Amino acid sequence: MIFLDSGIRRSGELRASKSKLAKNVYLNLYMLKEVYGISDESTGDRGLNLMDIYRASGKLVRGSDSRKQHLLDIDLNFCNDKIIPLIFG
């Protein structure tokens, strides 16, 4: 199986490079909260909130804008088992 990172440069040129499956992922805090509706507080029935994800991360990096806050080094298995079913469930 081959994994590719791809993107488009400013000139319009497509770039692609071979990559390996990641063990950890970075998640955007704004997207989790505002787009996917994961709450700050305990929700009971959903069973997962932003504090749970924060505890599973390596650290929080804040940017100059509230949309540029990221949770780093979250285990891929945690994402597959907890976050993805919540988003797509």
PDB file of N, CA and C in Angstrom:
ATOM      1  N   MET A   1       0.846  -1.164   0.000  1.00  0.00           N
ATOM      2  CA  MET A   1       0.000   0.000   0.000  1.00  0.00           C
ATOM      3  C   MET A   1       0.902   1.242   0.000  1.00  0.00           C
ATOM      4  N   ILE A   2       0.547   2.218  -0.805  1.00  0.00           N
ATOM      5  CA  ILE A   2       1.328   3.450  -0.911  1.00  0.00           C
ATOM      6  C   ILE A   2       0.473   4.612  -0.412  1.00  0.00           C
ATOM      7  N   PHE A   3       1.048   5.437   0.457  1.00  0.00           N
ATOM      8  CA  PHE A   3       0.393   6.650   0.939  1.00  0.00           C
ATOM      9  C   PHE A   3       1.083   7.840   0.306  1.00  0.00           C
ATOM     10  N   LEU A   4       0.302   8.819  -0.134  1.00  0.00           N
ATOM     11  CA  LEU A   4       0.851  10.008  -0.773  1.00  0.00           C
ATOM     12  C   LEU A   4       0.414  11.263  -0.038  1.00  0.00           C
ATOM     13  N   ASP A   5       1.352  12.183   0.122  1.00  0.00           N
ATOM     14  CA  ASP A   5       1.035  13.546   0.541  1.00  0.00           C
ATOM     15  C   ASP A   5       0.960  14.350  -0.742  1.00  0.00           C
ATOM     16  N   SER A   6      -0.100  15.120  -0.898  1.00  0.00           N
ATOM     17  CA  SER A   6      -0.227  15.891  -2.124  1.00  0.00           C
ATOM     18  C   SER A   6      -0.627  17.317  -1.803  1.00  0.00           C
ATOM     19  N   GLY A   7      -0.405  18.182  -2.743  1.00  0.00           N
ATOM     20  CA  GLY A   7      -0.758  19.579  -2.578  1.00  0.00           C
ATOM     21  C   GLY A   7      -0.579  20.317  -3.885  1.00  0.00           C
ATOM     22  N   ILE A   8      -0.970  21.574  -3.902  1.00  0.00           N
ATOM     23  CA  ILE A   8      -0.821  22.407  -5.081  1.00  0.00           C
ATOM     24  C   ILE A   8       0.030  23.609  -4.699  1.00  0.00           C
ATOM     25  N   ARG A   9       1.095  23.814  -5.451  1.00  0.00           N
ATOM     26  CA  ARG A   9       1.966  24.956  -5.201  1.00  0.00           C
ATOM     27  C   ARG A   9       1.321  26.232  -5.712  1.00  0.00           C
ATOM     28  N   ARG A  10       1.876  27.367  -5.324  1.00  0.00           N
ATOM     29  CA  ARG A  10       1.318  28.658  -5.765  1.00  0.00           C
ATOM     30  C   ARG A  10       1.306  28.793  -7.278  1.00  0.00           C
ATOM     31  N   SER A  11       2.279  28.165  -7.934  1.00  0.00           N
ATOM     32  CA  SER A  11       2.362  28.242  -9.394  1.00  0.00           C
ATOM     33  C   SER A  11       1.299  27.384 -10.079  1.00  0.00           C
ATOM     34  N   GLY A  12       0.564  26.582  -9.295  1.00  0.00           N
ATOM     35  CA  GLY A  12      -0.447  25.706  -9.861  1.00  0.00           C
ATOM     36  C   GLY A  12       0.064  24.299 -10.094  1.00  0.00           C
ATOM     37  N   GLU A  13       1.343  24.100  -9.852  1.00  0.00           N
ATOM     38  CA  GLU A  13       1.949  22.795 -10.055  1.00  0.00           C
ATOM     39  C   GLU A  13       1.521  21.834  -8.943  1.00  0.00           C
ATOM     40  N   LEU A  14       1.160  20.635  -9.323  1.00  0.00           N
ATOM     41  CA  LEU A  14       0.772  19.603  -8.366  1.00  0.00           C
ATOM     42  C   LEU A  14       2.034  18.947  -7.823  1.00  0.00           C
ATOM     43  N   ARG A  15       2.088  18.748  -6.521  1.00  0.00           N
ATOM     44  CA  ARG A  15       3.223  18.051  -5.920  1.00  0.00           C
ATOM     45  C   ARG A  15       2.700  16.832  -5.181  1.00  0.00           C
ATOM     46  N   ALA A  16       3.471  15.779  -5.211  1.00  0.00           N
ATOM     47  CA  ALA A  16       3.116  14.558  -4.497  1.00  0.00           C
ATOM     48  C   ALA A  16       4.394  13.901  -4.006  1.00  0.00           C
ATOM     49  N   SER A  17       4.335  13.339  -2.820  1.00  0.00           N
ATOM     50  CA  SER A  17       5.493  12.630  -2.289  1.00  0.00           C
ATOM     51  C   SER A  17       5.015  11.396  -1.539  1.00  0.00           C
ATOM     52  N   LYS A  18       5.817  10.363  -1.600  1.00  0.00           N
ATOM     53  CA  LYS A  18       5.506   9.109  -0.932  1.00  0.00           C
ATOM     54  C   LYS A  18       5.669   9.297   0.575  1.00  0.00           C
ATOM     55  N   SER A  19       4.756   8.731   1.358  1.00  0.00           N
ATOM     56  CA  SER A  19       4.852   8.861   2.806  1.00  0.00           C
ATOM     57  C   SER A  19       4.462   7.550   3.478  1.00  0.00           C
ATOM     58  N   LYS A  20       4.681   7.490   4.770  1.00  0.00           N
ATOM     59  CA  LYS A  20       4.329   6.319   5.563  1.00  0.00           C
ATOM     60  C   LYS A  20       3.093   6.640   6.397  1.00  0.00           C
ATOM     61  N   LEU A  21       2.410   5.592   6.857  1.00  0.00           N
ATOM     62  CA  LEU A  21       1.263   5.772   7.723  1.00  0.00           C
ATOM     63  C   LEU A  21       1.717   6.383   9.045  1.00  0.00           C
ATOM     64  N   ALA A  22       1.056   7.429   9.471  1.00  0.00           N
ATOM     65  CA  ALA A  22       1.429   8.135  10.697  1.00  0.00           C
ATOM     66  C   ALA A  22       1.019   7.340  11.929  1.00  0.00           C
ATOM     67  N   LYS A  23       1.796   7.473  12.996  1.00  0.00           N
ATOM     68  CA  LYS A  23       1.439   6.872  14.281  1.00  0.00           C
ATOM     69  C   LYS A  23       0.671   7.859  15.139  1.00  0.00           C
ATOM     70  N   ASN A  24       0.946   9.149  14.931  1.00  0.00           N
ATOM     71  CA  ASN A  24       0.284  10.224  15.669  1.00  0.00           C
ATOM     72  C   ASN A  24      -0.290  11.228  14.686  1.00  0.00           C
ATOM     73  N   VAL A  25      -1.332  11.933  15.123  1.00  0.00           N
ATOM     74  CA  VAL A  25      -1.952  12.944  14.275  1.00  0.00           C
ATOM     75  C   VAL A  25      -2.072  14.263  15.029  1.00  0.00           C
ATOM     76  N   TYR A  26      -2.249  15.341  14.286  1.00  0.00           N
ATOM     77  CA  TYR A  26      -2.510  16.669  14.838  1.00  0.00           C
ATOM     78  C   TYR A  26      -3.941  17.022  14.503  1.00  0.00           C
ATOM     79  N   LEU A  27      -4.661  17.579  15.451  1.00  0.00           N
ATOM     80  CA  LEU A  27      -6.051  17.961  15.219  1.00  0.00           C
ATOM     81  C   LEU A  27      -6.256  19.440  15.499  1.00  0.00           C
ATOM     82  N   ASN A  28      -7.080  20.075  14.695  1.00  0.00           N
ATOM     83  CA  ASN A  28      -7.396  21.482  14.850  1.00  0.00           C
ATOM     84  C   ASN A  28      -8.537  21.617  15.859  1.00  0.00           C
ATOM     85  N   LEU A  29      -8.292  22.359  16.927  1.00  0.00           N
ATOM     86  CA  LEU A  29      -9.270  22.521  18.003  1.00  0.00           C
ATOM     87  C   LEU A  29     -10.544  23.218  17.514  1.00  0.00           C
ATOM     88  N   TYR A  30     -10.394  24.210  16.661  1.00  0.00           N
ATOM     89  CA  TYR A  30     -11.544  24.928  16.108  1.00  0.00           C
ATOM     90  C   TYR A  30     -12.450  23.983  15.321  1.00  0.00           C
ATOM     91  N   MET A  31     -11.859  23.131  14.482  1.00  0.00           N
ATOM     92  CA  MET A  31     -12.643  22.191  13.688  1.00  0.00           C
ATOM     93  C   MET A  31     -13.384  21.199  14.575  1.00  0.00           C
ATOM     94  N   LEU A  32     -12.711  20.694  15.598  1.00  0.00           N
ATOM     95  CA  LEU A  32     -13.351  19.745  16.505  1.00  0.00           C
ATOM     96  C   LEU A  32     -14.576  20.360  17.178  1.00  0.00           C
ATOM     97  N   LYS A  33     -14.428  21.605  17.619  1.00  0.00           N
ATOM     98  CA  LYS A  33     -15.499  22.252  18.379  1.00  0.00           C
ATOM     99  C   LYS A  33     -16.599  22.828  17.487  1.00  0.00           C
ATOM    100  N   GLU A  34     -16.229  23.650  16.538  1.00  0.00           N
ATOM    101  CA  GLU A  34     -17.215  24.408  15.762  1.00  0.00           C
ATOM    102  C   GLU A  34     -17.799  23.630  14.587  1.00  0.00           C
ATOM    103  N   VAL A  35     -17.002  22.786  13.963  1.00  0.00           N
ATOM    104  CA  VAL A  35     -17.477  22.068  12.776  1.00  0.00           C
ATOM    105  C   VAL A  35     -18.071  20.715  13.149  1.00  0.00           C
ATOM    106  N   TYR A  36     -17.354  19.967  14.001  1.00  0.00           N
ATOM    107  CA  TYR A  36     -17.799  18.614  14.348  1.00  0.00           C
ATOM    108  C   TYR A  36     -18.629  18.563  15.621  1.00  0.00           C
ATOM    109  N   GLY A  37     -18.775  19.682  16.314  1.00  0.00           N
ATOM    110  CA  GLY A  37     -19.687  19.775  17.449  1.00  0.00           C
ATOM    111  C   GLY A  37     -19.263  19.030  18.703  1.00  0.00           C
ATOM    112  N   ILE A  38     -17.970  18.829  18.902  1.00  0.00           N
ATOM    113  CA  ILE A  38     -17.503  18.182  20.128  1.00  0.00           C
ATOM    114  C   ILE A  38     -17.465  19.243  21.224  1.00  0.00           C
ATOM    115  N   SER A  39     -18.110  18.974  22.324  1.00  0.00           N
ATOM    116  CA  SER A  39     -18.332  19.954  23.387  1.00  0.00           C
ATOM    117  C   SER A  39     -17.115  20.136  24.295  1.00  0.00           C
ATOM    118  N   ASP A  40     -17.060  21.313  24.953  1.00  0.00           N
ATOM    119  CA  ASP A  40     -16.059  21.579  25.988  1.00  0.00           C
ATOM    120  C   ASP A  40     -16.371  20.794  27.250  1.00  0.00           C
ATOM    121  N   GLU A  41     -17.647  20.597  27.491  1.00  0.00           N
ATOM    122  CA  GLU A  41     -18.100  19.984  28.740  1.00  0.00           C
ATOM    123  C   GLU A  41     -18.475  18.532  28.517  1.00  0.00           C
ATOM    124  N   SER A  42     -18.560  17.790  29.601  1.00  0.00           N
ATOM    125  CA  SER A  42     -18.974  16.393  29.529  1.00  0.00           C
ATOM    126  C   SER A  42     -20.396  16.316  29.004  1.00  0.00           C
ATOM    127  N   THR A  43     -20.605  15.473  28.005  1.00  0.00           N
ATOM    128  CA  THR A  43     -21.923  15.358  27.386  1.00  0.00           C
ATOM    129  C   THR A  43     -22.677  14.110  27.816  1.00  0.00           C
ATOM    130  N   GLY A  44     -22.043  13.239  28.544  1.00  0.00           N
ATOM    131  CA  GLY A  44     -22.719  12.049  29.051  1.00  0.00           C
ATOM    132  C   GLY A  44     -22.947  10.993  27.999  1.00  0.00           C
ATOM    133  N   ASP A  45     -23.954  11.187  27.160  1.00  0.00           N
ATOM    134  CA  ASP A  45     -24.311  10.158  26.186  1.00  0.00           C
ATOM    135  C   ASP A  45     -23.292  10.007  25.072  1.00  0.00           C
ATOM    136  N   ARG A  46     -22.626  11.102  24.685  1.00  0.00           N
ATOM    137  CA  ARG A  46     -21.626  11.020  23.614  1.00  0.00           C
ATOM    138  C   ARG A  46     -20.308  10.477  24.152  1.00  0.00           C
ATOM    139  N   GLY A  47     -20.055  10.703  25.422  1.00  0.00           N
ATOM    140  CA  GLY A  47     -18.905  10.102  26.073  1.00  0.00           C
ATOM    141  C   GLY A  47     -17.544  10.685  25.760  1.00  0.00           C
ATOM    142  N   LEU A  48     -17.446  11.698  24.930  1.00  0.00           N
ATOM    143  CA  LEU A  48     -16.147  12.275  24.593  1.00  0.00           C
ATOM    144  C   LEU A  48     -16.293  13.789  24.523  1.00  0.00           C
ATOM    145  N   ASN A  49     -15.348  14.504  25.114  1.00  0.00           N
ATOM    146  CA  ASN A  49     -15.351  15.957  25.018  1.00  0.00           C
ATOM    147  C   ASN A  49     -13.937  16.433  24.707  1.00  0.00           C
ATOM    148  N   LEU A  50     -13.767  17.736  24.550  1.00  0.00           N
ATOM    149  CA  LEU A  50     -12.461  18.279  24.182  1.00  0.00           C
ATOM    150  C   LEU A  50     -11.401  18.025  25.243  1.00  0.00           C
ATOM    151  N   MET A  51     -11.793  17.983  26.512  1.00  0.00           N
ATOM    152  CA  MET A  51     -10.816  17.702  27.571  1.00  0.00           C
ATOM    153  C   MET A  51     -10.271  16.282  27.465  1.00  0.00           C
ATOM    154  N   ASP A  52     -11.113  15.337  27.072  1.00  0.00           N
ATOM    155  CA  ASP A  52     -10.648  13.962  26.870  1.00  0.00           C
ATOM    156  C   ASP A  52      -9.622  13.904  25.741  1.00  0.00           C
ATOM    157  N   ILE A  53      -9.887  14.638  24.674  1.00  0.00           N
ATOM    158  CA  ILE A  53      -8.960  14.668  23.546  1.00  0.00           C
ATOM    159  C   ILE A  53      -7.669  15.385  23.953  1.00  0.00           C
ATOM    160  N   TYR A  54      -7.800  16.470  24.709  1.00  0.00           N
ATOM    161  CA  TYR A  54      -6.621  17.197  25.200  1.00  0.00           C
ATOM    162  C   TYR A  54      -5.738  16.284  26.065  1.00  0.00           C
ATOM    163  N   ARG A  55      -6.356  15.495  26.941  1.00  0.00           N
ATOM    164  CA  ARG A  55      -5.593  14.582  27.798  1.00  0.00           C
ATOM    165  C   ARG A  55      -4.870  13.507  26.979  1.00  0.00           C
ATOM    166  N   ALA A  56      -5.448  13.138  25.845  1.00  0.00           N
ATOM    167  CA  ALA A  56      -4.831  12.121  24.985  1.00  0.00           C
ATOM    168  C   ALA A  56      -3.735  12.701  24.098  1.00  0.00           C
ATOM    169  N   SER A  57      -3.653  14.023  24.042  1.00  0.00           N
ATOM    170  CA  SER A  57      -2.654  14.663  23.172  1.00  0.00           C
ATOM    171  C   SER A  57      -1.344  14.888  23.909  1.00  0.00           C
ATOM    172  N   GLY A  58      -0.306  15.145  23.128  1.00  0.00           N
ATOM    173  CA  GLY A  58       0.992  15.460  23.701  1.00  0.00           C
ATOM    174  C   GLY A  58       1.046  16.875  24.235  1.00  0.00           C
ATOM    175  N   LYS A  59       0.442  17.812  23.496  1.00  0.00           N
ATOM    176  CA  LYS A  59       0.399  19.205  23.949  1.00  0.00           C
ATOM    177  C   LYS A  59      -0.536  20.010  23.064  1.00  0.00           C
ATOM    178  N   LEU A  60      -0.834  21.205  23.526  1.00  0.00           N
ATOM    179  CA  LEU A  60      -1.673  22.152  22.794  1.00  0.00           C
ATOM    180  C   LEU A  60      -0.790  23.288  22.309  1.00  0.00           C
ATOM    181  N   VAL A  61      -0.885  23.613  21.028  1.00  0.00           N
ATOM    182  CA  VAL A  61      -0.136  24.726  20.455  1.00  0.00           C
ATOM    183  C   VAL A  61      -1.135  25.790  20.040  1.00  0.00           C
ATOM    184  N   ARG A  62      -0.945  26.981  20.574  1.00  0.00           N
ATOM    185  CA  ARG A  62      -1.847  28.096  20.255  1.00  0.00           C
ATOM    186  C   ARG A  62      -1.238  28.955  19.161  1.00  0.00           C
ATOM    187  N   GLY A  63      -2.093  29.404  18.255  1.00  0.00           N
ATOM    188  CA  GLY A  63      -1.662  30.296  17.196  1.00  0.00           C
ATOM    189  C   GLY A  63      -2.135  31.711  17.469  1.00  0.00           C
ATOM    190  N   SER A  64      -1.911  32.587  16.520  1.00  0.00           N
ATOM    191  CA  SER A  64      -2.299  33.987  16.671  1.00  0.00           C
ATOM    192  C   SER A  64      -3.811  34.172  16.541  1.00  0.00           C
ATOM    193  N   ASP A  65      -4.486  33.175  16.033  1.00  0.00           N
ATOM    194  CA  ASP A  65      -5.929  33.211  15.804  1.00  0.00           C
ATOM    195  C   ASP A  65      -6.538  31.988  16.494  1.00  0.00           C
ATOM    196  N   SER A  66      -7.763  32.110  16.970  1.00  0.00           N
ATOM    197  CA  SER A  66      -8.401  30.984  17.666  1.00  0.00           C
ATOM    198  C   SER A  66      -8.588  29.775  16.746  1.00  0.00           C
ATOM    199  N   ARG A  67      -8.576  29.988  15.443  1.00  0.00           N
ATOM    200  CA  ARG A  67      -8.708  28.875  14.501  1.00  0.00           C
ATOM    201  C   ARG A  67      -7.388  28.153  14.272  1.00  0.00           C
ATOM    202  N   LYS A  68      -6.318  28.666  14.850  1.00  0.00           N
ATOM    203  CA  LYS A  68      -4.995  28.066  14.659  1.00  0.00           C
ATOM    204  C   LYS A  68      -4.481  27.403  15.932  1.00  0.00           C
ATOM    205  N   GLN A  69      -5.360  26.784  16.676  1.00  0.00           N
ATOM    206  CA  GLN A  69      -4.970  26.039  17.872  1.00  0.00           C
ATOM    207  C   GLN A  69      -5.022  24.558  17.536  1.00  0.00           C
ATOM    208  N   HIS A  70      -3.934  23.850  17.837  1.00  0.00           N
ATOM    209  CA  HIS A  70      -3.834  22.449  17.454  1.00  0.00           C
ATOM    210  C   HIS A  70      -3.468  21.577  18.646  1.00  0.00           C
ATOM    211  N   LEU A  71      -4.063  20.399  18.687  1.00  0.00           N
ATOM    212  CA  LEU A  71      -3.684  19.371  19.645  1.00  0.00           C
ATOM    213  C   LEU A  71      -2.715  18.449  18.926  1.00  0.00           C
ATOM    214  N   LEU A  72      -1.523  18.270  19.493  1.00  0.00           N
ATOM    215  CA  LEU A  72      -0.460  17.531  18.829  1.00  0.00           C
ATOM    216  C   LEU A  72      -0.282  16.140  19.406  1.00  0.00           C
ATOM    217  N   ASP A  73       0.267  15.267  18.585  1.00  0.00           N
ATOM    218  CA  ASP A  73       0.681  13.914  18.973  1.00  0.00           C
ATOM    219  C   ASP A  73      -0.433  13.074  19.587  1.00  0.00           C
ATOM    220  N   ILE A  74      -1.577  13.072  18.953  1.00  0.00           N
ATOM    221  CA  ILE A  74      -2.676  12.218  19.392  1.00  0.00           C
ATOM    222  C   ILE A  74      -2.509  10.861  18.712  1.00  0.00           C
ATOM    223  N   ASP A  75      -2.580   9.809  19.494  1.00  0.00           N
ATOM    224  CA  ASP A  75      -2.386   8.461  18.987  1.00  0.00           C
ATOM    225  C   ASP A  75      -3.429   8.136  17.919  1.00  0.00           C
ATOM    226  N   LEU A  76      -2.986   7.540  16.825  1.00  0.00           N
ATOM    227  CA  LEU A  76      -3.873   7.205  15.719  1.00  0.00           C
ATOM    228  C   LEU A  76      -4.973   6.238  16.152  1.00  0.00           C
ATOM    229  N   ASN A  77      -4.658   5.300  17.034  1.00  0.00           N
ATOM    230  CA  ASN A  77      -5.674   4.353  17.509  1.00  0.00           C
ATOM    231  C   ASN A  77      -6.765   5.063  18.311  1.00  0.00           C
ATOM    232  N   PHE A  78      -6.391   6.080  19.113  1.00  0.00           N
ATOM    233  CA  PHE A  78      -7.381   6.877  19.846  1.00  0.00           C
ATOM    234  C   PHE A  78      -8.326   7.569  18.864  1.00  0.00           C
ATOM    235  N   CYS A  79      -7.758   8.140  17.803  1.00  0.00           N
ATOM    236  CA  CYS A  79      -8.588   8.804  16.791  1.00  0.00           C
ATOM    237  C   CYS A  79      -9.528   7.818  16.116  1.00  0.00           C
ATOM    238  N   ASN A  80      -9.000   6.660  15.733  1.00  0.00           N
ATOM    239  CA  ASN A  80      -9.834   5.665  15.046  1.00  0.00           C
ATOM    240  C   ASN A  80     -10.929   5.111  15.947  1.00  0.00           C
ATOM    241  N   ASP A  81     -10.617   4.920  17.225  1.00  0.00           N
ATOM    242  CA  ASP A  81     -11.573   4.302  18.143  1.00  0.00           C
ATOM    243  C   ASP A  81     -12.575   5.277  18.747  1.00  0.00           C
ATOM    244  N   LYS A  82     -12.173   6.518  18.984  1.00  0.00           N
ATOM    245  CA  LYS A  82     -13.016   7.472  19.719  1.00  0.00           C
ATOM    246  C   LYS A  82     -13.537   8.636  18.888  1.00  0.00           C
ATOM    247  N   ILE A  83     -12.659   9.287  18.135  1.00  0.00           N
ATOM    248  CA  ILE A  83     -13.033  10.534  17.463  1.00  0.00           C
ATOM    249  C   ILE A  83     -13.772  10.290  16.150  1.00  0.00           C
ATOM    250  N   ILE A  84     -13.263   9.416  15.304  1.00  0.00           N
ATOM    251  CA  ILE A  84     -13.878   9.189  14.002  1.00  0.00           C
ATOM    252  C   ILE A  84     -15.302   8.651  14.138  1.00  0.00           C
ATOM    253  N   PRO A  85     -15.586   7.676  15.016  1.00  0.00           N
ATOM    254  CA  PRO A  85     -16.984   7.249  15.156  1.00  0.00           C
ATOM    255  C   PRO A  85     -17.907   8.366  15.654  1.00  0.00           C
ATOM    256  N   LEU A  86     -17.366   9.276  16.461  1.00  0.00           N
ATOM    257  CA  LEU A  86     -18.170  10.398  16.959  1.00  0.00           C
ATOM    258  C   LEU A  86     -18.511  11.363  15.820  1.00  0.00           C
ATOM    259  N   ILE A  87     -17.545  11.606  14.941  1.00  0.00           N
ATOM    260  CA  ILE A  87     -17.759  12.532  13.833  1.00  0.00           C
ATOM    261  C   ILE A  87     -18.680  11.929  12.774  1.00  0.00           C
ATOM    262  N   PHE A  88     -18.442  10.691  12.405  1.00  0.00           N
ATOM    263  CA  PHE A  88     -19.213  10.070  11.333  1.00  0.00           C
ATOM    264  C   PHE A  88     -20.403   9.244  11.810  1.00  0.00           C
ATOM    265  N   GLY A  89     -20.521   9.094  13.153  1.00  0.00           N
ATOM    266  CA  GLY A  89     -21.597   8.259  13.711  1.00  0.00           C
ATOM    267  C   GLY A  89     -22.865   8.964  13.716  1.00  0.00           C
TER     268      GLY A  89
END
